[in-house]
Amino acid sequence: VKTAKQPAKSLAAHRPVEKLIHVIRDQKVMLDIDLAALYQVQPRALIQAVKRNADRFPSDFMFQLSHAEAAQMRSQSVISSKRGIKYQPLAFTEHGVAMLSGVLRSDRAVQMSIGIIRAFVRMRELMASNLDIAVRVEKLERGHERTASVIEILVEDIDRLAHEVKEMKALPTPSRRKIGFDL
């Protein structure tokens, strides 16, 4: 008995969405293979839907990874090396993910898109709060550097004064006069 072919199960379906978001070309993106797993569709079905609606995916919504970028992702074990050399993965920005839900037209796609967009928003908020923390740490470090430089100057002054006091305390070596006549 043959059963209908199920979409490929992926680790992506079991990982938190935030862990599937990568930074490529200074943009937060998700890869097509991970999105296909989350939407529970075959990767080729996702790619075909995108190709049929190419006008909905400008370069700021989606781009194809270069060979070097794909190789780097493979070396980080983010994408499988078994995908084949002829195909370069697609990377979708937050806006591209939102557009995918309309292109795929399934309840699952809509629900997953909402979850993914929320993950992007959480990451943005987390980065903003970390930026605030980074600014505070930088202020503390600058204050620490100023304090450290003042302490260094004080230590040098104390060392110099200690040396001068030591010289003052040192008794002059008594000159011994010779008793008697010089010949």
N, C-alpha and C. Protein backbone atom coordinates (compact mmCIF):
# COMPACT_ATOMS: atom_id res chain seq x y z
N VAL A 1 0.84 -1.18 0.00
CA VAL A 1 0.00 0.00 0.00
C VAL A 1 0.89 1.24 0.00
N LYS A 2 0.71 2.08 -1.00
CA LYS A 2 1.49 3.31 -1.07
C LYS A 2 0.75 4.42 -0.37
N THR A 3 1.51 5.22 0.36
CA THR A 3 0.91 6.37 1.03
C THR A 3 1.38 7.63 0.34
N ALA A 4 0.63 8.68 0.51
CA ALA A 4 1.02 9.96 -0.08
C ALA A 4 2.34 10.39 0.53
N LYS A 5 3.19 10.93 -0.32
CA LYS A 5 4.51 11.35 0.15
C LYS A 5 4.37 12.53 1.10
N GLN A 6 4.90 12.37 2.31
CA GLN A 6 4.85 13.41 3.32
C GLN A 6 6.00 14.38 3.10
N PRO A 7 5.82 15.64 3.46
CA PRO A 7 6.93 16.59 3.36
C PRO A 7 8.10 16.11 4.21
N ALA A 8 9.28 16.42 3.75
CA ALA A 8 10.49 16.00 4.48
C ALA A 8 10.47 16.58 5.88
N LYS A 9 10.70 15.72 6.85
CA LYS A 9 10.81 16.19 8.23
C LYS A 9 12.20 16.78 8.40
N SER A 10 12.26 17.84 9.10
CA SER A 10 13.52 18.52 9.29
C SER A 10 13.68 18.90 10.74
N LEU A 11 14.91 19.10 11.13
CA LEU A 11 15.16 19.60 12.48
C LEU A 11 14.54 20.98 12.66
N ALA A 12 14.34 21.68 11.55
CA ALA A 12 13.76 23.02 11.62
C ALA A 12 12.38 22.99 12.27
N ALA A 13 11.63 21.93 12.04
CA ALA A 13 10.28 21.85 12.58
C ALA A 13 10.29 21.69 14.10
N HIS A 14 11.43 21.29 14.65
CA HIS A 14 11.53 21.05 16.09
C HIS A 14 12.39 22.07 16.82
N ARG A 15 12.98 23.02 16.10
CA ARG A 15 13.83 24.03 16.71
C ARG A 15 13.06 25.32 16.87
N PRO A 16 13.39 26.12 17.90
CA PRO A 16 12.74 27.43 18.02
C PRO A 16 13.04 28.26 16.77
N VAL A 17 12.06 29.03 16.35
CA VAL A 17 12.18 29.80 15.12
C VAL A 17 13.38 30.74 15.18
N GLU A 18 13.63 31.33 16.35
CA GLU A 18 14.75 32.28 16.48
C GLU A 18 16.08 31.64 16.07
N LYS A 19 16.22 30.35 16.31
CA LYS A 19 17.48 29.67 15.96
C LYS A 19 17.62 29.44 14.46
N LEU A 20 16.54 29.63 13.73
CA LEU A 20 16.56 29.44 12.27
C LEU A 20 16.80 30.75 11.54
N ILE A 21 16.89 31.84 12.29
CA ILE A 21 17.14 33.14 11.67
C ILE A 21 18.65 33.39 11.65
N HIS A 22 19.16 33.69 10.48
CA HIS A 22 20.59 33.90 10.28
C HIS A 22 20.84 35.32 9.79
N VAL A 23 22.06 35.79 9.99
CA VAL A 23 22.43 37.10 9.46
C VAL A 23 23.32 36.86 8.25
N ILE A 24 22.82 37.25 7.10
CA ILE A 24 23.56 37.13 5.84
C ILE A 24 23.44 38.47 5.13
N ARG A 25 24.56 38.99 4.67
CA ARG A 25 24.60 40.30 4.01
C ARG A 25 24.00 41.39 4.91
N ASP A 26 24.30 41.27 6.19
CA ASP A 26 23.82 42.22 7.19
C ASP A 26 22.29 42.29 7.27
N GLN A 27 21.63 41.21 6.92
CA GLN A 27 20.17 41.12 7.02
C GLN A 27 19.80 39.86 7.78
N LYS A 28 18.75 39.95 8.57
CA LYS A 28 18.24 38.76 9.25
C LYS A 28 17.36 38.02 8.25
N VAL A 29 17.68 36.76 7.99
CA VAL A 29 16.98 35.98 6.98
C VAL A 29 16.71 34.56 7.47
N MET A 30 15.80 33.90 6.78
CA MET A 30 15.55 32.47 6.98
C MET A 30 15.76 31.78 5.64
N LEU A 31 16.28 30.56 5.69
CA LEU A 31 16.57 29.82 4.47
C LEU A 31 15.33 29.06 4.00
N ASP A 32 15.25 28.85 2.69
CA ASP A 32 14.11 28.18 2.08
C ASP A 32 13.86 26.80 2.67
N ILE A 33 14.91 26.05 2.94
CA ILE A 33 14.76 24.68 3.44
C ILE A 33 14.09 24.68 4.82
N ASP A 34 14.46 25.65 5.66
CA ASP A 34 13.86 25.75 6.99
C ASP A 34 12.41 26.20 6.91
N LEU A 35 12.13 27.15 6.02
CA LEU A 35 10.76 27.62 5.85
C LEU A 35 9.87 26.50 5.31
N ALA A 36 10.39 25.71 4.39
CA ALA A 36 9.61 24.59 3.84
C ALA A 36 9.26 23.60 4.96
N ALA A 37 10.20 23.34 5.84
CA ALA A 37 9.94 22.42 6.95
C ALA A 37 8.89 23.00 7.90
N LEU A 38 9.01 24.30 8.18
CA LEU A 38 8.04 24.93 9.07
C LEU A 38 6.64 24.96 8.46
N TYR A 39 6.57 25.24 7.16
CA TYR A 39 5.28 25.31 6.47
C TYR A 39 4.77 23.91 6.10
N GLN A 40 5.59 22.91 6.32
CA GLN A 40 5.27 21.51 6.00
C GLN A 40 4.94 21.33 4.53
N VAL A 41 5.83 21.88 3.70
CA VAL A 41 5.74 21.68 2.25
C VAL A 41 7.11 21.21 1.76
N GLN A 42 7.12 20.59 0.60
CA GLN A 42 8.39 20.20 0.00
C GLN A 42 9.17 21.46 -0.39
N PRO A 43 10.49 21.46 -0.22
CA PRO A 43 11.27 22.64 -0.61
C PRO A 43 11.03 23.03 -2.07
N ARG A 44 10.92 22.05 -2.95
CA ARG A 44 10.71 22.38 -4.37
C ARG A 44 9.35 23.04 -4.58
N ALA A 45 8.34 22.69 -3.77
CA ALA A 45 7.03 23.33 -3.89
C ALA A 45 7.12 24.79 -3.47
N LEU A 46 7.86 25.05 -2.43
CA LEU A 46 8.06 26.42 -1.98
C LEU A 46 8.77 27.23 -3.06
N ILE A 47 9.82 26.66 -3.62
CA ILE A 47 10.60 27.35 -4.65
C ILE A 47 9.74 27.60 -5.89
N GLN A 48 8.93 26.61 -6.28
CA GLN A 48 8.05 26.78 -7.45
C GLN A 48 7.04 27.90 -7.21
N ALA A 49 6.49 27.96 -5.99
CA ALA A 49 5.52 29.01 -5.67
C ALA A 49 6.18 30.38 -5.76
N VAL A 50 7.42 30.46 -5.32
CA VAL A 50 8.16 31.73 -5.38
C VAL A 50 8.43 32.10 -6.84
N LYS A 51 8.84 31.13 -7.64
CA LYS A 51 9.12 31.41 -9.05
C LYS A 51 7.86 31.85 -9.80
N ARG A 52 6.72 31.23 -9.47
CA ARG A 52 5.46 31.61 -10.13
C ARG A 52 5.05 33.03 -9.75
N ASN A 53 5.52 33.50 -8.61
CA ASN A 53 5.16 34.83 -8.11
C ASN A 53 6.40 35.70 -7.91
N ALA A 54 7.31 35.63 -8.83
CA ALA A 54 8.60 36.31 -8.70
C ALA A 54 8.46 37.81 -8.47
N ASP A 55 7.40 38.41 -9.05
CA ASP A 55 7.22 39.86 -8.89
C ASP A 55 6.89 40.25 -7.44
N ARG A 56 6.49 39.30 -6.62
CA ARG A 56 6.19 39.57 -5.20
C ARG A 56 7.43 39.48 -4.31
N PHE A 57 8.56 39.09 -4.88
CA PHE A 57 9.77 38.89 -4.09
C PHE A 57 10.95 39.71 -4.64
N PRO A 58 10.92 41.03 -4.43
CA PRO A 58 12.06 41.84 -4.85
C PRO A 58 13.30 41.48 -4.01
N SER A 59 14.42 42.05 -4.37
CA SER A 59 15.70 41.67 -3.73
C SER A 59 15.75 41.98 -2.24
N ASP A 60 14.91 42.92 -1.76
CA ASP A 60 14.92 43.18 -0.32
C ASP A 60 13.97 42.24 0.43
N PHE A 61 13.26 41.35 -0.29
CA PHE A 61 12.41 40.34 0.33
C PHE A 61 13.08 38.97 0.28
N MET A 62 13.86 38.73 -0.77
CA MET A 62 14.46 37.42 -0.97
C MET A 62 15.67 37.55 -1.88
N PHE A 63 16.69 36.74 -1.62
CA PHE A 63 17.84 36.68 -2.52
C PHE A 63 18.42 35.28 -2.48
N GLN A 64 19.18 34.97 -3.52
CA GLN A 64 19.82 33.66 -3.60
C GLN A 64 21.23 33.78 -3.06
N LEU A 65 21.61 32.81 -2.23
CA LEU A 65 22.95 32.83 -1.66
C LEU A 65 23.99 32.58 -2.74
N SER A 66 25.13 33.24 -2.62
CA SER A 66 26.23 32.99 -3.54
C SER A 66 26.85 31.64 -3.18
N HIS A 67 27.70 31.14 -4.05
CA HIS A 67 28.37 29.87 -3.77
C HIS A 67 29.19 29.97 -2.48
N ALA A 68 29.86 31.11 -2.29
CA ALA A 68 30.68 31.29 -1.08
C ALA A 68 29.81 31.32 0.18
N GLU A 69 28.69 32.03 0.11
CA GLU A 69 27.79 32.10 1.27
C GLU A 69 27.22 30.73 1.59
N ALA A 70 26.82 29.99 0.55
CA ALA A 70 26.28 28.64 0.76
C ALA A 70 27.35 27.72 1.35
N ALA A 71 28.58 27.84 0.84
CA ALA A 71 29.67 27.02 1.37
C ALA A 71 29.92 27.34 2.84
N GLN A 72 29.86 28.62 3.18
CA GLN A 72 30.04 29.01 4.58
C GLN A 72 28.92 28.46 5.46
N MET A 73 27.69 28.51 4.97
CA MET A 73 26.56 27.97 5.73
C MET A 73 26.70 26.45 5.88
N ARG A 74 27.18 25.80 4.83
CA ARG A 74 27.39 24.35 4.93
C ARG A 74 28.48 24.03 5.94
N SER A 75 29.54 24.85 5.96
CA SER A 75 30.63 24.59 6.91
C SER A 75 30.18 24.79 8.34
N GLN A 76 29.16 25.62 8.54
CA GLN A 76 28.61 25.84 9.88
C GLN A 76 27.51 24.83 10.18
N SER A 77 27.28 23.89 9.26
CA SER A 77 26.24 22.86 9.38
C SER A 77 24.85 23.45 9.48
N VAL A 78 24.65 24.63 8.90
CA VAL A 78 23.34 25.25 8.90
C VAL A 78 22.49 24.61 7.80
N ILE A 79 23.14 24.28 6.68
CA ILE A 79 22.42 23.61 5.60
C ILE A 79 23.19 22.36 5.23
N SER A 80 22.47 21.39 4.77
CA SER A 80 23.05 20.11 4.43
C SER A 80 23.95 20.23 3.21
N SER A 81 25.04 19.49 3.22
CA SER A 81 25.93 19.49 2.06
C SER A 81 25.40 18.56 0.98
N LYS A 82 24.31 17.84 1.25
CA LYS A 82 23.74 16.90 0.28
C LYS A 82 22.75 17.57 -0.67
N ARG A 83 22.55 18.87 -0.55
CA ARG A 83 21.55 19.56 -1.38
C ARG A 83 21.97 19.67 -2.83
N GLY A 84 23.20 19.48 -3.12
CA GLY A 84 23.64 19.57 -4.50
C GLY A 84 24.30 20.90 -4.78
N ILE A 85 25.26 20.87 -5.68
CA ILE A 85 26.04 22.06 -5.97
C ILE A 85 25.29 22.99 -6.92
N LYS A 86 24.41 22.44 -7.79
CA LYS A 86 23.75 23.28 -8.79
C LYS A 86 22.73 24.22 -8.18
N TYR A 87 22.24 23.94 -7.00
CA TYR A 87 21.19 24.75 -6.39
C TYR A 87 21.75 25.55 -5.22
N GLN A 88 21.55 26.83 -5.27
CA GLN A 88 21.95 27.71 -4.17
C GLN A 88 20.70 28.06 -3.37
N PRO A 89 20.77 27.98 -2.05
CA PRO A 89 19.59 28.25 -1.22
C PRO A 89 19.08 29.68 -1.39
N LEU A 90 17.79 29.84 -1.13
CA LEU A 90 17.17 31.15 -1.13
C LEU A 90 17.08 31.63 0.31
N ALA A 91 17.31 32.91 0.51
CA ALA A 91 17.21 33.52 1.83
C ALA A 91 16.07 34.54 1.80
N PHE A 92 15.17 34.44 2.78
CA PHE A 92 14.01 35.32 2.84
C PHE A 92 14.12 36.25 4.03
N THR A 93 13.94 37.53 3.79
CA THR A 93 13.92 38.51 4.87
C THR A 93 12.55 38.44 5.56
N GLU A 94 12.39 39.23 6.59
CA GLU A 94 11.11 39.26 7.31
C GLU A 94 9.95 39.55 6.36
N HIS A 95 10.14 40.48 5.44
CA HIS A 95 9.08 40.82 4.49
C HIS A 95 8.83 39.68 3.51
N GLY A 96 9.88 38.99 3.13
CA GLY A 96 9.73 37.85 2.24
C GLY A 96 8.95 36.72 2.90
N VAL A 97 9.19 36.51 4.19
CA VAL A 97 8.45 35.49 4.94
C VAL A 97 6.97 35.85 4.97
N ALA A 98 6.68 37.12 5.20
CA ALA A 98 5.28 37.56 5.22
C ALA A 98 4.63 37.33 3.85
N MET A 99 5.36 37.58 2.80
CA MET A 99 4.82 37.39 1.45
C MET A 99 4.60 35.91 1.15
N LEU A 100 5.42 35.04 1.70
CA LEU A 100 5.27 33.60 1.46
C LEU A 100 3.91 33.08 1.89
N SER A 101 3.38 33.59 2.99
CA SER A 101 2.09 33.09 3.46
C SER A 101 1.00 33.33 2.43
N GLY A 102 1.07 34.44 1.71
CA GLY A 102 0.09 34.72 0.67
C GLY A 102 0.30 33.86 -0.56
N VAL A 103 1.53 33.53 -0.84
CA VAL A 103 1.85 32.74 -2.03
C VAL A 103 1.51 31.27 -1.81
N LEU A 104 1.76 30.76 -0.62
CA LEU A 104 1.51 29.34 -0.36
C LEU A 104 0.04 29.04 -0.10
N ARG A 105 -0.70 30.01 0.39
CA ARG A 105 -2.16 29.92 0.55
C ARG A 105 -2.64 28.71 1.34
N SER A 106 -2.02 28.48 2.48
CA SER A 106 -2.52 27.42 3.35
C SER A 106 -2.64 27.98 4.76
N ASP A 107 -3.53 27.37 5.54
CA ASP A 107 -3.68 27.82 6.93
C ASP A 107 -2.37 27.67 7.69
N ARG A 108 -1.68 26.58 7.44
CA ARG A 108 -0.39 26.34 8.10
C ARG A 108 0.60 27.46 7.76
N ALA A 109 0.65 27.86 6.49
CA ALA A 109 1.57 28.92 6.07
C ALA A 109 1.24 30.23 6.76
N VAL A 110 -0.04 30.54 6.88
CA VAL A 110 -0.44 31.79 7.53
C VAL A 110 -0.04 31.77 9.00
N GLN A 111 -0.35 30.66 9.69
CA GLN A 111 -0.03 30.55 11.12
C GLN A 111 1.48 30.58 11.36
N MET A 112 2.23 29.88 10.53
CA MET A 112 3.69 29.87 10.69
C MET A 112 4.27 31.24 10.38
N SER A 113 3.74 31.92 9.39
CA SER A 113 4.24 33.26 9.06
C SER A 113 4.04 34.20 10.24
N ILE A 114 2.89 34.11 10.88
CA ILE A 114 2.64 34.95 12.06
C ILE A 114 3.68 34.65 13.14
N GLY A 115 3.92 33.37 13.38
CA GLY A 115 4.92 32.98 14.39
C GLY A 115 6.32 33.45 14.02
N ILE A 116 6.66 33.36 12.75
CA ILE A 116 8.00 33.76 12.30
C ILE A 116 8.16 35.27 12.40
N ILE A 117 7.15 36.02 11.99
CA ILE A 117 7.22 37.48 12.09
C ILE A 117 7.39 37.88 13.55
N ARG A 118 6.67 37.22 14.44
CA ARG A 118 6.82 37.51 15.87
C ARG A 118 8.24 37.22 16.34
N ALA A 119 8.84 36.16 15.81
CA ALA A 119 10.23 35.84 16.18
C ALA A 119 11.18 36.93 15.70
N PHE A 120 10.96 37.43 14.48
CA PHE A 120 11.78 38.54 13.99
C PHE A 120 11.63 39.76 14.89
N VAL A 121 10.40 40.05 15.30
CA VAL A 121 10.15 41.20 16.17
C VAL A 121 10.84 41.01 17.52
N ARG A 122 10.76 39.79 18.09
CA ARG A 122 11.43 39.52 19.37
C ARG A 122 12.94 39.72 19.25
N MET A 123 13.49 39.26 18.13
CA MET A 123 14.94 39.43 17.93
C MET A 123 15.30 40.90 17.83
N ARG A 124 14.47 41.67 17.12
CA ARG A 124 14.73 43.10 16.99
C ARG A 124 14.68 43.77 18.36
N GLU A 125 13.69 43.41 19.17
CA GLU A 125 13.58 43.97 20.52
C GLU A 125 14.77 43.57 21.38
N LEU A 126 15.17 42.32 21.28
CA LEU A 126 16.32 41.84 22.04
C LEU A 126 17.59 42.58 21.64
N MET A 127 17.76 42.80 20.34
CA MET A 127 18.94 43.53 19.88
C MET A 127 18.90 44.98 20.36
N ALA A 128 17.71 45.58 20.38
CA ALA A 128 17.59 46.96 20.87
C ALA A 128 17.93 47.04 22.35
N SER A 129 17.46 46.08 23.14
CA SER A 129 17.77 46.11 24.58
C SER A 129 19.25 45.82 24.80
N ASN A 130 19.83 44.97 23.98
CA ASN A 130 21.27 44.70 24.10
C ASN A 130 22.08 45.93 23.71
N LEU A 131 21.57 46.71 22.76
CA LEU A 131 22.26 47.93 22.36
C LEU A 131 22.31 48.89 23.54
N ASP A 132 21.19 49.00 24.28
CA ASP A 132 21.15 49.85 25.46
C ASP A 132 22.17 49.37 26.50
N ILE A 133 22.24 48.08 26.70
CA ILE A 133 23.21 47.52 27.64
C ILE A 133 24.63 47.80 27.16
N ALA A 134 24.87 47.66 25.86
CA ALA A 134 26.21 47.91 25.31
C ALA A 134 26.63 49.36 25.53
N VAL A 135 25.69 50.29 25.36
CA VAL A 135 25.99 51.71 25.59
C VAL A 135 26.35 51.94 27.06
N ARG A 136 25.60 51.31 27.96
CA ARG A 136 25.89 51.45 29.39
C ARG A 136 27.26 50.89 29.75
N VAL A 137 27.59 49.73 29.20
CA VAL A 137 28.90 49.12 29.47
C VAL A 137 30.00 50.01 28.95
N GLU A 138 29.80 50.59 27.76
CA GLU A 138 30.81 51.48 27.19
C GLU A 138 31.04 52.69 28.09
N LYS A 139 29.95 53.26 28.63
CA LYS A 139 30.10 54.39 29.55
C LYS A 139 30.89 53.97 30.78
N LEU A 140 30.57 52.81 31.32
CA LEU A 140 31.29 52.31 32.50
C LEU A 140 32.77 52.10 32.17
N GLU A 141 33.05 51.55 30.99
CA GLU A 141 34.44 51.32 30.60
C GLU A 141 35.19 52.63 30.46
N ARG A 142 34.54 53.64 29.85
CA ARG A 142 35.20 54.94 29.73
C ARG A 142 35.49 55.52 31.11
N GLY A 143 34.51 55.42 32.02
CA GLY A 143 34.72 55.90 33.39
C GLY A 143 35.84 55.13 34.07
N HIS A 144 35.88 53.83 33.82
CA HIS A 144 36.94 52.98 34.39
C HIS A 144 38.30 53.39 33.84
N GLU A 145 38.35 53.68 32.53
CA GLU A 145 39.62 54.08 31.92
C GLU A 145 40.13 55.39 32.53
N ARG A 146 39.20 56.35 32.72
CA ARG A 146 39.60 57.63 33.35
C ARG A 146 40.09 57.39 34.77
N THR A 147 39.36 56.58 35.52
CA THR A 147 39.76 56.27 36.89
C THR A 147 41.10 55.57 36.91
N ALA A 148 41.29 54.63 36.01
CA ALA A 148 42.55 53.89 35.95
C ALA A 148 43.70 54.82 35.62
N SER A 149 43.51 55.78 34.72
CA SER A 149 44.59 56.70 34.37
C SER A 149 44.92 57.61 35.55
N VAL A 150 43.90 58.05 36.30
CA VAL A 150 44.14 58.87 37.49
C VAL A 150 44.91 58.07 38.53
N ILE A 151 44.51 56.81 38.71
CA ILE A 151 45.20 55.95 39.68
C ILE A 151 46.65 55.74 39.24
N GLU A 152 46.90 55.55 37.97
CA GLU A 152 48.28 55.38 37.48
C GLU A 152 49.12 56.61 37.79
N ILE A 153 48.56 57.80 37.56
CA ILE A 153 49.29 59.04 37.84
C ILE A 153 49.59 59.14 39.33
N LEU A 154 48.59 58.82 40.16
CA LEU A 154 48.80 58.87 41.62
C LEU A 154 49.87 57.88 42.06
N VAL A 155 49.85 56.69 41.51
CA VAL A 155 50.87 55.68 41.86
C VAL A 155 52.26 56.18 41.47
N GLU A 156 52.37 56.78 40.28
CA GLU A 156 53.67 57.32 39.86
C GLU A 156 54.13 58.42 40.81
N ASP A 157 53.21 59.31 41.20
CA ASP A 157 53.55 60.39 42.15
C ASP A 157 53.98 59.82 43.49
N ILE A 158 53.25 58.83 43.97
CA ILE A 158 53.59 58.21 45.26
C ILE A 158 54.96 57.56 45.18
N ASP A 159 55.23 56.85 44.07
CA ASP A 159 56.54 56.21 43.90
C ASP A 159 57.65 57.26 43.89
N ARG A 160 57.44 58.37 43.18
CA ARG A 160 58.43 59.43 43.10
C ARG A 160 58.68 60.03 44.48
N LEU A 161 57.58 60.33 45.21
CA LEU A 161 57.71 60.91 46.54
C LEU A 161 58.38 59.93 47.50
N ALA A 162 58.05 58.66 47.41
CA ALA A 162 58.68 57.66 48.28
C ALA A 162 60.17 57.60 48.03
N HIS A 163 60.55 57.70 46.75
CA HIS A 163 61.97 57.68 46.42
C HIS A 163 62.67 58.91 47.00
N GLU A 164 62.03 60.10 46.88
CA GLU A 164 62.61 61.34 47.43
C GLU A 164 62.74 61.26 48.95
N VAL A 165 61.71 60.73 49.61
CA VAL A 165 61.76 60.59 51.08
C VAL A 165 62.88 59.64 51.46
N LYS A 166 63.04 58.58 50.72
CA LYS A 166 64.10 57.61 51.01
C LYS A 166 65.46 58.27 50.88
N GLU A 167 65.62 59.11 49.87
CA GLU A 167 66.89 59.81 49.68
C GLU A 167 67.14 60.79 50.82
N MET A 168 66.07 61.45 51.28
CA MET A 168 66.23 62.41 52.38
C MET A 168 66.59 61.71 53.68
N LYS A 169 66.03 60.54 53.90
CA LYS A 169 66.28 59.81 55.14
C LYS A 169 67.68 59.23 55.18
N ALA A 170 68.19 58.97 54.02
CA ALA A 170 69.51 58.35 53.99
C ALA A 170 70.53 59.33 54.57
N LEU A 171 71.25 58.86 55.54
CA LEU A 171 72.27 59.69 56.16
C LEU A 171 73.43 59.83 55.21
N PRO A 172 73.96 61.02 55.18
CA PRO A 172 75.13 61.15 54.31
C PRO A 172 76.25 60.29 54.86
N THR A 173 77.01 59.77 54.01
CA THR A 173 78.13 58.95 54.47
C THR A 173 79.15 59.86 55.13
N PRO A 174 79.47 59.54 56.36
CA PRO A 174 80.41 60.41 57.07
C PRO A 174 81.76 60.41 56.37
N SER A 175 82.29 61.61 56.23
CA SER A 175 83.61 61.69 55.62
C SER A 175 84.63 61.47 56.74
N ARG A 176 85.49 60.62 56.54
CA ARG A 176 86.49 60.31 57.56
C ARG A 176 87.73 61.11 57.24
N ARG A 177 88.02 61.92 58.20
CA ARG A 177 89.24 62.69 58.01
C ARG A 177 90.41 61.87 58.48
N LYS A 178 91.41 61.95 57.70
CA LYS A 178 92.61 61.23 58.10
C LYS A 178 93.34 62.04 59.14
N ILE A 179 93.75 61.35 60.08
CA ILE A 179 94.49 62.00 61.14
C ILE A 179 95.97 61.81 60.84
N GLY A 180 96.65 62.87 60.96
CA GLY A 180 98.09 62.76 60.72
C GLY A 180 98.55 63.72 59.65
N PHE A 181 99.79 63.50 59.24
CA PHE A 181 100.36 64.38 58.22
C PHE A 181 100.41 63.68 56.89
N ASP A 182 100.25 64.51 55.91
CA ASP A 182 100.42 64.00 54.55
C ASP A 182 101.87 64.19 54.14
N LEU A 183 102.41 63.28 53.58
CA LEU A 183 103.77 63.42 53.11
C LEU A 183 103.84 63.60 51.67
